[in-house]
C-alpha atoms as a PDB file:
ATOM      1  CA  MET A   1     263.297  52.555  73.441  1.00  0.00           C
ATOM      2  CA  SER A   2     260.575  50.008  74.082  1.00  0.00           C
ATOM      3  CA  TYR A   3     259.237  49.160  77.517  1.00  0.00           C
ATOM      4  CA  SER A   4     256.506  47.144  79.217  1.00  0.00           C
ATOM      5  CA  ALA A   5     253.693  49.329  80.554  1.00  0.00           C
ATOM      6  CA  SER A   6     251.094  48.644  83.251  1.00  0.00           C
ATOM      7  CA  SER A   7     251.306  45.350  85.164  1.00  0.00           C
ATOM      8  CA  CYS A   8     251.506  41.813  83.837  1.00  0.00           C
ATOM      9  CA  ASP A   9     248.672  41.016  86.289  1.00  0.00           C
ATOM     10  CA  THR A  10     246.232  42.644  83.872  1.00  0.00           C
ATOM     11  CA  PRO A  11     245.238  41.958  80.263  1.00  0.00           C
ATOM     12  CA  ASP A  12     246.011  45.647  79.649  1.00  0.00           C
ATOM     13  CA  TYR A  13     249.767  45.095  79.930  1.00  0.00           C
ATOM     14  CA  THR A  14     251.243  46.706  76.792  1.00  0.00           C
ATOM     15  CA  ILE A  15     254.463  47.629  75.037  1.00  0.00           C
ATOM     16  CA  GLY A  16     255.196  51.336  74.796  1.00  0.00           C
ATOM     17  CA  LEU A  17     257.837  53.457  73.077  1.00  0.00           C
ATOM     18  CA  LEU A  18     259.992  56.317  74.366  1.00  0.00           C
ATOM     19  CA  GLU A  19     261.921  58.757  72.182  1.00  0.00           C
ATOM     20  CA  LEU A  20     264.895  60.820  73.305  1.00  0.00           C
ATOM     21  CA  THR A  21     263.776  64.310  72.231  1.00  0.00           C
ATOM     22  CA  GLY A  22     266.393  66.266  74.172  1.00  0.00           C
ATOM     23  CA  SER A  23     270.140  65.962  74.486  1.00  0.00           C
ATOM     24  CA  ASP A  24     270.483  64.442  77.971  1.00  0.00           C
ATOM     25  CA  PRO A  25     269.254  60.843  78.325  1.00  0.00           C
ATOM     26  CA  MET A  26     269.583  61.157  82.121  1.00  0.00           C
ATOM     27  CA  ASN A  27     267.019  63.974  82.215  1.00  0.00           C
ATOM     28  CA  PRO A  28     263.462  62.532  82.330  1.00  0.00           C
ATOM     29  CA  GLY A  29     262.169  65.703  80.667  1.00  0.00           C
ATOM     30  CA  HIS A  30     264.197  64.912  77.549  1.00  0.00           C
ATOM     31  CA  TRP A  31     262.099  61.823  76.784  1.00  0.00           C
ATOM     32  CA  THR A  32     258.730  61.724  75.000  1.00  0.00           C
ATOM     33  CA  THR A  33     256.314  58.827  75.405  1.00  0.00           C
ATOM     34  CA  SER A  34     254.382  57.613  72.385  1.00  0.00           C
ATOM     35  CA  PRO A  35     250.720  58.633  72.800  1.00  0.00           C
ATOM     36  CA  VAL A  36     249.465  55.099  72.049  1.00  0.00           C
ATOM     37  CA  PRO A  37     250.847  51.644  72.876  1.00  0.00           C
ATOM     38  CA  ALA A  38     253.146  50.095  70.294  1.00  0.00           C
ATOM     39  CA  MET A  39     251.458  46.742  70.987  1.00  0.00           C
ATOM     40  CA  GLN A  40     248.393  45.940  73.033  1.00  0.00           C
ATOM     41  CA  GLN A  41     245.907  43.104  73.441  1.00  0.00           C
ATOM     42  CA  GLY A  42     244.230  41.838  70.297  1.00  0.00           C
ATOM     43  CA  ASN A  43     243.424  38.711  68.284  1.00  0.00           C
ATOM     44  CA  GLY A  44     242.789  36.710  71.476  1.00  0.00           C
ATOM     45  CA  VAL A  45     246.198  37.604  72.944  1.00  0.00           C
ATOM     46  CA  TYR A  46     246.220  39.520  76.238  1.00  0.00           C
ATOM     47  CA  GLY A  47     248.941  41.413  78.061  1.00  0.00           C
ATOM     48  CA  PRO A  48     251.752  41.440  75.481  1.00  0.00           C
ATOM     49  CA  GLY A  49     254.981  42.573  77.130  1.00  0.00           C
ATOM     50  CA  HIS A  50     258.570  41.813  78.159  1.00  0.00           C
ATOM     51  CA  ASN A  51     259.969  42.335  74.702  1.00  0.00           C
ATOM     52  CA  GLY A  52     263.294  42.048  72.927  1.00  0.00           C
ATOM     53  CA  PHE A  53     264.498  42.184  69.351  1.00  0.00           C
ATOM     54  CA  PHE A  54     266.546  40.123  66.919  1.00  0.00           C
ATOM     55  CA  LYS A  55     267.625  40.231  63.266  1.00  0.00           C
ATOM     56  CA  SER A  56     266.675  37.641  60.687  1.00  0.00           C
ATOM     57  CA  PRO A  57     269.523  35.252  59.795  1.00  0.00           C
ATOM     58  CA  ASP A  58     270.332  37.239  56.647  1.00  0.00           C
ATOM     59  CA  GLY A  59     270.195  40.569  58.542  1.00  0.00           C
ATOM     60  CA  THR A  60     267.453  42.126  56.400  1.00  0.00           C
ATOM     61  CA  GLU A  61     264.540  41.989  58.862  1.00  0.00           C
ATOM     62  CA  ASP A  62     263.882  43.030  62.445  1.00  0.00           C
ATOM     63  CA  TRP A  63     261.737  40.848  64.699  1.00  0.00           C
ATOM     64  CA  ILE A  64     260.189  41.355  68.124  1.00  0.00           C
ATOM     65  CA  VAL A  65     259.994  38.598  70.730  1.00  0.00           C
ATOM     66  CA  TYR A  66     257.466  39.080  73.530  1.00  0.00           C
ATOM     67  CA  HIS A  67     255.086  37.145  75.722  1.00  0.00           C
ATOM     68  CA  GLY A  68     251.316  37.103  75.783  1.00  0.00           C
ATOM     69  CA  ASN A  69     248.438  35.234  77.395  1.00  0.00           C
ATOM     70  CA  THR A  70     245.460  33.500  75.815  1.00  0.00           C
ATOM     71  CA  SER A  71     243.057  34.526  78.595  1.00  0.00           C
ATOM     72  CA  THR A  72     242.338  37.748  80.462  1.00  0.00           C
ATOM     73  CA  SER A  73     242.835  35.956  83.792  1.00  0.00           C
ATOM     74  CA  GLN A  74     246.310  34.430  83.290  1.00  0.00           C
ATOM     75  CA  GLY A  75     248.352  37.381  84.577  1.00  0.00           C
ATOM     76  CA  CYS A  76     252.065  36.970  85.326  1.00  0.00           C
ATOM     77  CA  GLY A  77     252.070  33.196  85.781  1.00  0.00           C
ATOM     78  CA  ASP A  78     253.789  30.470  83.831  1.00  0.00           C
ATOM     79  CA  THR A  79     251.012  30.321  81.220  1.00  0.00           C
ATOM     80  CA  ARG A  80     252.492  33.217  79.235  1.00  0.00           C
ATOM     81  CA  GLN A  81     253.542  32.151  75.761  1.00  0.00           C
ATOM     82  CA  THR A  82     256.684  33.315  73.983  1.00  0.00           C
ATOM     83  CA  ARG A  83     255.748  34.905  70.665  1.00  0.00           C
ATOM     84  CA  VAL A  84     257.581  36.509  67.751  1.00  0.00           C
ATOM     85  CA  GLN A  85     256.626  38.590  64.754  1.00  0.00           C
ATOM     86  CA  LYS A  86     258.221  40.770  62.122  1.00  0.00           C
ATOM     87  CA  VAL A  87     258.664  44.500  62.780  1.00  0.00           C
ATOM     88  CA  THR A  88     257.916  46.997  60.015  1.00  0.00           C
ATOM     89  CA  TYR A  89     258.543  50.753  59.987  1.00  0.00           C
ATOM     90  CA  ASP A  90     256.324  53.720  59.207  1.00  0.00           C
ATOM     91  CA  ALA A  91     257.246  56.638  56.925  1.00  0.00           C
ATOM     92  CA  ASN A  92     258.952  58.429  59.849  1.00  0.00           C
ATOM     93  CA  GLY A  93     261.089  55.414  60.748  1.00  0.00           C
ATOM     94  CA  TRP A  94     259.064  54.443  63.840  1.00  0.00           C
ATOM     95  CA  PRO A  95     258.775  50.702  64.458  1.00  0.00           C
ATOM     96  CA  VAL A  96     255.367  49.166  63.868  1.00  0.00           C
ATOM     97  CA  PHE A  97     254.760  45.990  65.861  1.00  0.00           C
ATOM     98  CA  GLY A  98     251.132  45.563  64.875  1.00  0.00           C
ATOM     99  CA  ALA A  99     248.577  43.536  66.774  1.00  0.00           C
ATOM    100  CA  PRO A 100     249.702  40.269  68.331  1.00  0.00           C
ATOM    101  CA  ALA A 101     249.415  37.385  65.900  1.00  0.00           C
ATOM    102  CA  PRO A 102     246.599  35.014  66.917  1.00  0.00           C
ATOM    103  CA  SER A 103     247.547  31.742  68.592  1.00  0.00           C
ATOM    104  CA  GLY A 104     248.051  29.048  65.983  1.00  0.00           C
ATOM    105  CA  GLN A 105     248.707  31.448  63.107  1.00  0.00           C
ATOM    106  CA  VAL A 106     251.593  30.195  61.005  1.00  0.00           C
ATOM    107  CA  LEU A 107     254.079  32.996  60.366  1.00  0.00           C
ATOM    108  CA  THR A 108     256.488  33.285  57.470  1.00  0.00           C
ATOM    109  CA  PRO A 109     259.906  32.484  58.977  1.00  0.00           C
ATOM    110  CA  PRO A 110     262.576  35.190  59.249  1.00  0.00           C
ATOM    111  CA  SER A 111     264.400  35.879  55.999  1.00  0.00           C
ATOM    112  CA  GLY A 112     267.406  33.641  55.449  1.00  0.00           C
ATOM    113  CA  GLU A 113     266.061  30.761  57.495  1.00  0.00           C
END
């Protein structure tokens, strides 16, 4: 499960991951938090958060949609930009979001587009 961590008022807003490591999802002790953020500020993008996911049109790729700011002082206001990028997976099957793509970087479109 992915979640937004910290507060969107800070450039340290991040995306974290939780894993159900027990049998009862209603028991907080049955969840383990990833020791490091799944996505954090980088490449001139601050406070990435509020994320969701979608499949490429041909169903072969996973993508993350999130917002980020271009300044450390923009916070939760209407200056946040909607951003997307492809999700990859590590050898254990964990999603890898990577660093936010820099503003203006042209991304390869989702497969099947």
